[in-house]
C-alpha atoms as a PDB file:
ATOM      1  CA  UNK A   1     271.479 263.706 -51.943  1.00  0.00           C
ATOM      2  CA  UNK A   2     269.764 263.064 -55.290  1.00  0.00           C
ATOM      3  CA  UNK A   3     267.701 265.755 -56.674  1.00  0.00           C
ATOM      4  CA  UNK A   4     264.579 263.004 -56.838  1.00  0.00           C
ATOM      5  CA  UNK A   5     265.359 262.499 -53.151  1.00  0.00           C
ATOM      6  CA  UNK A   6     265.030 266.216 -52.290  1.00  0.00           C
ATOM      7  CA  UNK A   7     261.737 266.298 -54.265  1.00  0.00           C
ATOM      8  CA  UNK A   8     260.505 263.736 -52.162  1.00  0.00           C
ATOM      9  CA  UNK A   9     261.428 265.936 -49.072  1.00  0.00           C
ATOM     10  CA  UNK A  10     259.708 268.876 -50.814  1.00  0.00           C
ATOM     11  CA  UNK A  11     256.530 266.917 -51.601  1.00  0.00           C
ATOM     12  CA  UNK A  12     256.229 265.703 -48.175  1.00  0.00           C
ATOM     13  CA  UNK A  13     256.448 268.995 -46.844  1.00  0.00           C
ATOM     14  CA  UNK A  14     253.969 270.361 -48.950  1.00  0.00           C
ATOM     15  CA  UNK A  15     251.538 267.717 -47.900  1.00  0.00           C
ATOM     16  CA  UNK A  16     251.778 268.323 -44.326  1.00  0.00           C
ATOM     17  CA  UNK A  17     251.173 272.041 -45.612  1.00  0.00           C
ATOM     18  CA  UNK A  18     248.640 271.296 -47.596  1.00  0.00           C
ATOM     19  CA  UNK A  19     246.635 269.040 -44.961  1.00  0.00           C
ATOM     20  CA  UNK A  20     247.184 271.976 -42.012  1.00  0.00           C
ATOM     21  CA  UNK A  21     244.998 274.547 -44.166  1.00  0.00           C
ATOM     22  CA  UNK A  22     243.064 272.229 -46.140  1.00  0.00           C
ATOM     23  CA  UNK A  23     241.365 270.825 -43.423  1.00  0.00           C
ATOM     24  CA  UNK A  24     241.454 273.770 -40.950  1.00  0.00           C
ATOM     25  CA  UNK A  25     238.289 276.017 -40.229  1.00  0.00           C
ATOM     26  CA  UNK A  26     240.351 278.840 -41.963  1.00  0.00           C
ATOM     27  CA  UNK A  27     242.944 278.770 -44.639  1.00  0.00           C
ATOM     28  CA  UNK A  28     243.466 277.470 -47.989  1.00  0.00           C
ATOM     29  CA  UNK A  29     245.944 275.408 -50.414  1.00  0.00           C
ATOM     30  CA  UNK A  30     246.237 276.194 -53.808  1.00  0.00           C
ATOM     31  CA  UNK A  31     248.988 274.910 -56.244  1.00  0.00           C
ATOM     32  CA  UNK A  32     250.224 274.736 -59.538  1.00  0.00           C
ATOM     33  CA  UNK A  33     252.939 273.365 -61.689  1.00  0.00           C
ATOM     34  CA  UNK A  34     255.576 276.412 -60.613  1.00  0.00           C
ATOM     35  CA  UNK A  35     254.344 277.191 -56.952  1.00  0.00           C
ATOM     36  CA  UNK A  36     252.109 275.816 -54.183  1.00  0.00           C
ATOM     37  CA  UNK A  37     250.379 278.666 -51.807  1.00  0.00           C
ATOM     38  CA  UNK A  38     250.054 277.643 -48.273  1.00  0.00           C
ATOM     39  CA  UNK A  39     247.501 280.365 -46.320  1.00  0.00           C
ATOM     40  CA  UNK A  40     246.414 279.741 -42.744  1.00  0.00           C
ATOM     41  CA  UNK A  41     244.009 282.623 -43.436  1.00  0.00           C
ATOM     42  CA  UNK A  42     245.328 284.918 -40.189  1.00  0.00           C
ATOM     43  CA  UNK A  43     248.002 287.497 -40.187  1.00  0.00           C
ATOM     44  CA  UNK A  44     250.939 285.057 -39.411  1.00  0.00           C
ATOM     45  CA  UNK A  45     253.763 285.316 -41.695  1.00  0.00           C
ATOM     46  CA  UNK A  46     255.442 281.936 -41.230  1.00  0.00           C
ATOM     47  CA  UNK A  47     252.102 280.367 -41.816  1.00  0.00           C
ATOM     48  CA  UNK A  48     251.282 281.962 -45.186  1.00  0.00           C
ATOM     49  CA  UNK A  49     253.554 281.345 -47.931  1.00  0.00           C
ATOM     50  CA  UNK A  50     254.497 280.397 -51.376  1.00  0.00           C
ATOM     51  CA  UNK A  51     256.886 277.497 -52.434  1.00  0.00           C
ATOM     52  CA  UNK A  52     258.440 278.080 -55.616  1.00  0.00           C
ATOM     53  CA  UNK A  53     259.074 274.951 -57.426  1.00  0.00           C
ATOM     54  CA  UNK A  54     261.570 273.886 -59.797  1.00  0.00           C
ATOM     55  CA  UNK A  55     262.631 274.084 -62.912  1.00  0.00           C
ATOM     56  CA  UNK A  56     261.814 277.868 -62.393  1.00  0.00           C
ATOM     57  CA  UNK A  57     260.891 278.831 -65.992  1.00  0.00           C
ATOM     58  CA  UNK A  58     259.495 282.045 -64.917  1.00  0.00           C
ATOM     59  CA  UNK A  59     260.703 283.058 -61.730  1.00  0.00           C
ATOM     60  CA  UNK A  60     259.665 286.385 -61.954  1.00  0.00           C
ATOM     61  CA  UNK A  61     256.187 285.513 -62.399  1.00  0.00           C
ATOM     62  CA  UNK A  62     255.576 282.695 -60.013  1.00  0.00           C
ATOM     63  CA  UNK A  63     256.806 284.966 -56.927  1.00  0.00           C
ATOM     64  CA  UNK A  64     254.596 288.048 -58.614  1.00  0.00           C
ATOM     65  CA  UNK A  65     251.751 285.469 -58.421  1.00  0.00           C
ATOM     66  CA  UNK A  66     252.779 284.590 -54.574  1.00  0.00           C
ATOM     67  CA  UNK A  67     252.710 288.371 -53.902  1.00  0.00           C
ATOM     68  CA  UNK A  68     249.327 289.257 -55.603  1.00  0.00           C
ATOM     69  CA  UNK A  69     247.646 286.297 -53.421  1.00  0.00           C
ATOM     70  CA  UNK A  70     248.428 287.682 -50.357  1.00  0.00           C
ATOM     71  CA  UNK A  71     248.256 291.145 -51.147  1.00  0.00           C
ATOM     72  CA  UNK A  72     244.645 290.630 -52.118  1.00  0.00           C
ATOM     73  CA  UNK A  73     244.120 288.926 -48.724  1.00  0.00           C
ATOM     74  CA  UNK A  74     246.263 292.041 -47.221  1.00  0.00           C
ATOM     75  CA  UNK A  75     248.150 289.146 -45.099  1.00  0.00           C
ATOM     76  CA  UNK A  76     251.858 289.107 -44.355  1.00  0.00           C
ATOM     77  CA  UNK A  77     253.781 286.000 -45.916  1.00  0.00           C
ATOM     78  CA  UNK A  78     257.154 284.810 -46.941  1.00  0.00           C
ATOM     79  CA  UNK A  79     258.439 282.810 -49.935  1.00  0.00           C
ATOM     80  CA  UNK A  80     259.842 280.090 -49.659  1.00  0.00           C
ATOM     81  CA  UNK A  81     262.399 277.581 -51.850  1.00  0.00           C
ATOM     82  CA  UNK A  82     264.709 274.672 -51.692  1.00  0.00           C
ATOM     83  CA  UNK A  83     268.596 276.385 -51.501  1.00  0.00           C
ATOM     84  CA  UNK A  84     270.227 273.675 -53.430  1.00  0.00           C
ATOM     85  CA  UNK A  85     268.975 274.844 -56.758  1.00  0.00           C
ATOM     86  CA  UNK A  86     270.476 276.220 -59.618  1.00  0.00           C
ATOM     87  CA  UNK A  87     272.964 278.769 -59.418  1.00  0.00           C
ATOM     88  CA  UNK A  88     271.571 282.276 -59.591  1.00  0.00           C
ATOM     89  CA  UNK A  89     267.873 281.584 -58.551  1.00  0.00           C
ATOM     90  CA  UNK A  90     268.432 283.108 -55.027  1.00  0.00           C
ATOM     91  CA  UNK A  91     270.356 285.998 -56.572  1.00  0.00           C
ATOM     92  CA  UNK A  92     267.557 286.717 -59.007  1.00  0.00           C
ATOM     93  CA  UNK A  93     265.009 287.080 -56.366  1.00  0.00           C
ATOM     94  CA  UNK A  94     267.068 289.495 -54.240  1.00  0.00           C
ATOM     95  CA  UNK A  95     267.802 291.412 -57.599  1.00  0.00           C
ATOM     96  CA  UNK A  96     264.214 291.778 -57.681  1.00  0.00           C
ATOM     97  CA  UNK A  97     263.994 293.560 -54.132  1.00  0.00           C
ATOM     98  CA  UNK A  98     262.784 289.994 -52.400  1.00  0.00           C
ATOM     99  CA  UNK A  99     264.650 290.584 -48.813  1.00  0.00           C
ATOM    100  CA  UNK A 100     266.324 286.968 -47.746  1.00  0.00           C
ATOM    101  CA  UNK A 101     265.545 286.293 -44.208  1.00  0.00           C
ATOM    102  CA  UNK A 102     268.487 285.399 -42.071  1.00  0.00           C
ATOM    103  CA  UNK A 103     268.110 282.164 -40.902  1.00  0.00           C
ATOM    104  CA  UNK A 104     266.827 279.400 -43.173  1.00  0.00           C
ATOM    105  CA  UNK A 105     264.957 276.207 -42.173  1.00  0.00           C
ATOM    106  CA  UNK A 106     267.143 273.193 -41.857  1.00  0.00           C
ATOM    107  CA  UNK A 107     265.736 269.757 -43.306  1.00  0.00           C
ATOM    108  CA  UNK A 108     266.859 266.469 -41.543  1.00  0.00           C
ATOM    109  CA  UNK A 109     266.644 263.099 -42.808  1.00  0.00           C
ATOM    110  CA  UNK A 110     267.236 259.615 -40.743  1.00  0.00           C
ATOM    111  CA  UNK A 111     267.146 256.091 -42.445  1.00  0.00           C
ATOM    112  CA  UNK A 112     264.762 254.602 -40.318  1.00  0.00           C
ATOM    113  CA  UNK A 113     266.220 251.955 -37.677  1.00  0.00           C
ATOM    114  CA  UNK A 114     265.313 248.938 -36.777  1.00  0.00           C
ATOM    115  CA  UNK A 115     265.226 249.349 -33.264  1.00  0.00           C
ATOM    116  CA  UNK A 116     263.540 252.265 -31.412  1.00  0.00           C
ATOM    117  CA  UNK A 117     264.977 253.744 -27.898  1.00  0.00           C
ATOM    118  CA  UNK A 118     262.246 253.321 -25.337  1.00  0.00           C
ATOM    119  CA  UNK A 119     260.576 256.708 -23.694  1.00  0.00           C
ATOM    120  CA  UNK A 120     261.803 257.802 -20.199  1.00  0.00           C
ATOM    121  CA  UNK A 121     259.794 255.841 -17.577  1.00  0.00           C
ATOM    122  CA  UNK A 122     257.892 258.760 -16.814  1.00  0.00           C
ATOM    123  CA  UNK A 123     256.161 259.189 -20.652  1.00  0.00           C
ATOM    124  CA  UNK A 124     253.479 257.368 -21.807  1.00  0.00           C
ATOM    125  CA  UNK A 125     252.911 258.188 -25.256  1.00  0.00           C
ATOM    126  CA  UNK A 126     249.820 257.064 -27.233  1.00  0.00           C
ATOM    127  CA  UNK A 127     248.360 257.576 -30.487  1.00  0.00           C
ATOM    128  CA  UNK A 128     245.784 260.328 -30.931  1.00  0.00           C
ATOM    129  CA  UNK A 129     242.555 258.707 -31.809  1.00  0.00           C
ATOM    130  CA  UNK A 130     239.604 259.991 -30.184  1.00  0.00           C
ATOM    131  CA  UNK A 131     238.327 264.035 -30.539  1.00  0.00           C
ATOM    132  CA  UNK A 132     238.646 264.498 -26.537  1.00  0.00           C
ATOM    133  CA  UNK A 133     242.713 263.468 -27.096  1.00  0.00           C
ATOM    134  CA  UNK A 134     242.942 265.657 -30.129  1.00  0.00           C
ATOM    135  CA  UNK A 135     242.084 268.215 -28.202  1.00  0.00           C
ATOM    136  CA  UNK A 136     244.345 268.091 -25.359  1.00  0.00           C
ATOM    137  CA  UNK A 137     247.210 267.254 -28.426  1.00  0.00           C
ATOM    138  CA  UNK A 138     246.353 270.393 -30.370  1.00  0.00           C
ATOM    139  CA  UNK A 139     246.438 272.809 -27.523  1.00  0.00           C
ATOM    140  CA  UNK A 140     249.590 271.680 -26.336  1.00  0.00           C
ATOM    141  CA  UNK A 141     251.179 271.885 -29.584  1.00  0.00           C
ATOM    142  CA  UNK A 142     249.964 275.257 -30.209  1.00  0.00           C
ATOM    143  CA  UNK A 143     251.892 276.094 -26.461  1.00  0.00           C
ATOM    144  CA  UNK A 144     254.813 274.469 -27.124  1.00  0.00           C
ATOM    145  CA  UNK A 145     255.451 276.202 -30.344  1.00  0.00           C
ATOM    146  CA  UNK A 146     254.615 279.588 -29.055  1.00  0.00           C
ATOM    147  CA  UNK A 147     251.330 279.853 -30.730  1.00  0.00           C
ATOM    148  CA  UNK A 148     247.842 281.109 -29.011  1.00  0.00           C
ATOM    149  CA  UNK A 149     246.200 278.296 -27.845  1.00  0.00           C
ATOM    150  CA  UNK A 150     242.864 279.810 -28.157  1.00  0.00           C
ATOM    151  CA  UNK A 151     243.287 279.637 -32.268  1.00  0.00           C
ATOM    152  CA  UNK A 152     244.138 275.718 -32.040  1.00  0.00           C
ATOM    153  CA  UNK A 153     240.519 274.727 -32.640  1.00  0.00           C
ATOM    154  CA  UNK A 154     240.675 276.307 -36.167  1.00  0.00           C
ATOM    155  CA  UNK A 155     243.643 274.087 -36.984  1.00  0.00           C
ATOM    156  CA  UNK A 156     244.500 270.331 -36.264  1.00  0.00           C
ATOM    157  CA  UNK A 157     240.915 269.192 -36.813  1.00  0.00           C
ATOM    158  CA  UNK A 158     239.200 265.956 -36.147  1.00  0.00           C
ATOM    159  CA  UNK A 159     239.244 265.136 -39.880  1.00  0.00           C
ATOM    160  CA  UNK A 160     242.964 264.798 -39.859  1.00  0.00           C
ATOM    161  CA  UNK A 161     242.834 261.448 -37.463  1.00  0.00           C
ATOM    162  CA  UNK A 162     240.827 259.749 -39.978  1.00  0.00           C
ATOM    163  CA  UNK A 163     243.497 260.082 -42.784  1.00  0.00           C
ATOM    164  CA  UNK A 164     245.588 257.272 -43.339  1.00  0.00           C
ATOM    165  CA  UNK A 165     248.749 258.783 -44.007  1.00  0.00           C
ATOM    166  CA  UNK A 166     248.268 260.940 -40.533  1.00  0.00           C
ATOM    167  CA  UNK A 167     249.108 259.780 -37.395  1.00  0.00           C
ATOM    168  CA  UNK A 168     249.358 261.800 -34.227  1.00  0.00           C
ATOM    169  CA  UNK A 169     251.397 261.199 -30.722  1.00  0.00           C
ATOM    170  CA  UNK A 170     250.919 262.877 -27.424  1.00  0.00           C
ATOM    171  CA  UNK A 171     253.133 262.106 -24.718  1.00  0.00           C
ATOM    172  CA  UNK A 172     251.530 262.262 -20.934  1.00  0.00           C
ATOM    173  CA  UNK A 173     252.834 262.436 -17.503  1.00  0.00           C
ATOM    174  CA  UNK A 174     250.541 261.430 -15.020  1.00  0.00           C
ATOM    175  CA  UNK A 175     247.714 261.477 -17.382  1.00  0.00           C
ATOM    176  CA  UNK A 176     248.321 264.835 -18.694  1.00  0.00           C
ATOM    177  CA  UNK A 177     249.694 265.653 -21.915  1.00  0.00           C
ATOM    178  CA  UNK A 178     253.102 267.328 -22.183  1.00  0.00           C
ATOM    179  CA  UNK A 179     254.954 266.600 -25.417  1.00  0.00           C
ATOM    180  CA  UNK A 180     253.304 265.745 -29.211  1.00  0.00           C
ATOM    181  CA  UNK A 181     254.346 265.019 -32.444  1.00  0.00           C
ATOM    182  CA  UNK A 182     252.930 264.141 -35.791  1.00  0.00           C
ATOM    183  CA  UNK A 183     253.920 261.780 -38.580  1.00  0.00           C
ATOM    184  CA  UNK A 184     252.642 262.252 -42.118  1.00  0.00           C
ATOM    185  CA  UNK A 185     253.681 259.826 -44.655  1.00  0.00           C
ATOM    186  CA  UNK A 186     254.292 260.118 -48.507  1.00  0.00           C
ATOM    187  CA  UNK A 187     255.644 257.001 -50.408  1.00  0.00           C
ATOM    188  CA  UNK A 188     258.772 256.168 -48.432  1.00  0.00           C
ATOM    189  CA  UNK A 189     259.224 259.475 -46.474  1.00  0.00           C
ATOM    190  CA  UNK A 190     257.907 259.542 -43.090  1.00  0.00           C
ATOM    191  CA  UNK A 191     257.467 263.485 -42.341  1.00  0.00           C
ATOM    192  CA  UNK A 192     257.600 264.389 -38.601  1.00  0.00           C
ATOM    193  CA  UNK A 193     255.866 267.619 -37.786  1.00  0.00           C
ATOM    194  CA  UNK A 194     254.420 269.477 -34.597  1.00  0.00           C
ATOM    195  CA  UNK A 195     257.179 268.168 -32.326  1.00  0.00           C
ATOM    196  CA  UNK A 196     256.625 270.179 -28.790  1.00  0.00           C
ATOM    197  CA  UNK A 197     256.845 270.095 -25.706  1.00  0.00           C
ATOM    198  CA  UNK A 198     255.507 272.438 -22.667  1.00  0.00           C
ATOM    199  CA  UNK A 199     258.111 274.802 -21.509  1.00  0.00           C
ATOM    200  CA  UNK A 200     258.268 273.638 -18.034  1.00  0.00           C
ATOM    201  CA  UNK A 201     258.170 269.850 -19.135  1.00  0.00           C
ATOM    202  CA  UNK A 202     261.282 270.648 -21.185  1.00  0.00           C
ATOM    203  CA  UNK A 203     265.101 269.069 -20.674  1.00  0.00           C
ATOM    204  CA  UNK A 204     263.564 265.708 -19.770  1.00  0.00           C
ATOM    205  CA  UNK A 205     264.122 263.860 -23.105  1.00  0.00           C
ATOM    206  CA  UNK A 206     260.209 264.182 -23.633  1.00  0.00           C
ATOM    207  CA  UNK A 207     260.311 265.984 -27.392  1.00  0.00           C
ATOM    208  CA  UNK A 208     263.109 263.103 -28.607  1.00  0.00           C
ATOM    209  CA  UNK A 209     260.899 260.381 -27.262  1.00  0.00           C
ATOM    210  CA  UNK A 210     257.655 261.304 -29.109  1.00  0.00           C
ATOM    211  CA  UNK A 211     259.959 262.125 -32.406  1.00  0.00           C
ATOM    212  CA  UNK A 212     261.158 258.236 -31.751  1.00  0.00           C
ATOM    213  CA  UNK A 213     257.415 257.625 -31.731  1.00  0.00           C
ATOM    214  CA  UNK A 214     256.809 259.018 -35.181  1.00  0.00           C
ATOM    215  CA  UNK A 215     260.065 257.357 -36.423  1.00  0.00           C
ATOM    216  CA  UNK A 216     258.414 254.101 -35.241  1.00  0.00           C
ATOM    217  CA  UNK A 217     254.967 254.944 -36.832  1.00  0.00           C
ATOM    218  CA  UNK A 218     256.849 255.316 -40.063  1.00  0.00           C
ATOM    219  CA  UNK A 219     258.503 251.933 -39.857  1.00  0.00           C
ATOM    220  CA  UNK A 220     255.216 250.376 -39.094  1.00  0.00           C
ATOM    221  CA  UNK A 221     254.048 252.250 -42.566  1.00  0.00           C
ATOM    222  CA  UNK A 222     256.736 250.820 -44.653  1.00  0.00           C
ATOM    223  CA  UNK A 223     258.565 254.161 -45.064  1.00  0.00           C
ATOM    224  CA  UNK A 224     262.026 254.187 -45.343  1.00  0.00           C
ATOM    225  CA  UNK A 225     263.339 257.477 -44.460  1.00  0.00           C
ATOM    226  CA  UNK A 226     262.422 260.211 -42.000  1.00  0.00           C
ATOM    227  CA  UNK A 227     262.519 263.938 -42.607  1.00  0.00           C
ATOM    228  CA  UNK A 228     261.940 266.800 -40.470  1.00  0.00           C
ATOM    229  CA  UNK A 229     262.246 270.685 -40.269  1.00  0.00           C
ATOM    230  CA  UNK A 230     264.570 271.575 -37.294  1.00  0.00           C
ATOM    231  CA  UNK A 231     264.429 274.927 -35.108  1.00  0.00           C
ATOM    232  CA  UNK A 232     267.710 276.139 -33.622  1.00  0.00           C
ATOM    233  CA  UNK A 233     267.041 274.528 -30.279  1.00  0.00           C
ATOM    234  CA  UNK A 234     265.714 271.269 -31.697  1.00  0.00           C
ATOM    235  CA  UNK A 235     268.712 270.586 -34.265  1.00  0.00           C
ATOM    236  CA  UNK A 236     271.366 269.290 -31.618  1.00  0.00           C
ATOM    237  CA  UNK A 237     268.376 267.076 -30.378  1.00  0.00           C
ATOM    238  CA  UNK A 238     267.881 265.349 -33.775  1.00  0.00           C
ATOM    239  CA  UNK A 239     271.673 265.653 -34.630  1.00  0.00           C
ATOM    240  CA  UNK A 240     272.210 263.282 -31.210  1.00  0.00           C
ATOM    241  CA  UNK A 241     269.437 261.113 -32.600  1.00  0.00           C
ATOM    242  CA  UNK A 242     271.064 260.579 -35.814  1.00  0.00           C
ATOM    243  CA  UNK A 243     269.532 262.786 -38.168  1.00  0.00           C
ATOM    244  CA  UNK A 244     271.653 264.511 -40.566  1.00  0.00           C
ATOM    245  CA  UNK A 245     271.448 267.667 -42.554  1.00  0.00           C
ATOM    246  CA  UNK A 246     269.908 267.098 -45.883  1.00  0.00           C
ATOM    247  CA  UNK A 247     268.938 270.675 -47.388  1.00  0.00           C
ATOM    248  CA  UNK A 248     267.782 274.308 -46.596  1.00  0.00           C
ATOM    249  CA  UNK A 249     264.798 276.123 -47.135  1.00  0.00           C
ATOM    250  CA  UNK A 250     265.311 279.612 -47.627  1.00  0.00           C
ATOM    251  CA  UNK A 251     262.735 282.345 -46.956  1.00  0.00           C
ATOM    252  CA  UNK A 252     261.974 285.889 -48.683  1.00  0.00           C
ATOM    253  CA  UNK A 253     260.157 288.692 -47.383  1.00  0.00           C
ATOM    254  CA  UNK A 254     258.263 290.587 -50.189  1.00  0.00           C
ATOM    255  CA  UNK A 255     260.345 293.816 -51.849  1.00  0.00           C
ATOM    256  CA  UNK A 256     259.098 296.966 -49.905  1.00  0.00           C
ATOM    257  CA  UNK A 257     256.599 299.250 -51.188  1.00  0.00           C
END
């Protein structure tokens, strides 16, 4: 993909991260030219990170700023950047003691199709509009990702539902929410997030169906490309749907004391 296209994917990813923490009851989002800092406010390494942005004029200072931010708050974190960057950036971080995590996060894209498959007959998918629907959505989303449902109310708050660039979809079986997805649009990009299915409901095509619901929403809002970050288990599903690998986000843990 062209560098401008990759930057558009980065922007959507950061916008989703901003929304997640900026409208939460805990957490903070900070951004400047060289780095964006996403802090959920809790000791969750995966949800606390600094994202380094090209052109990496002062890589060491940018990484140090992220490290100082989370050290002040005594929170675990990781450093992230797009892997398809100028040669030597990843190596430079490693040389400064940053420890690369083995598994990158693959970013995948799909040119939005005109026709969207229908969901399984047993699954009814609806857009989340009320507070009651949001409560059910976020609890299933957190459980599906393995996060404690008890803290779900701190995030994915009711302010999200009112944002014009955000849509939430809940898949129900017999009236009970079992699967979720979220759409966040930025320009031509339809970013898909929080695709989750309850453990005892997996293997029935529900995750794929709520993903398609978000794709449909991207079509309705005038987007051209759907994007998502795939888990190891989700990637084969997205590949089957027609998503292709576009980039990797690599992650680093801070230098050991």
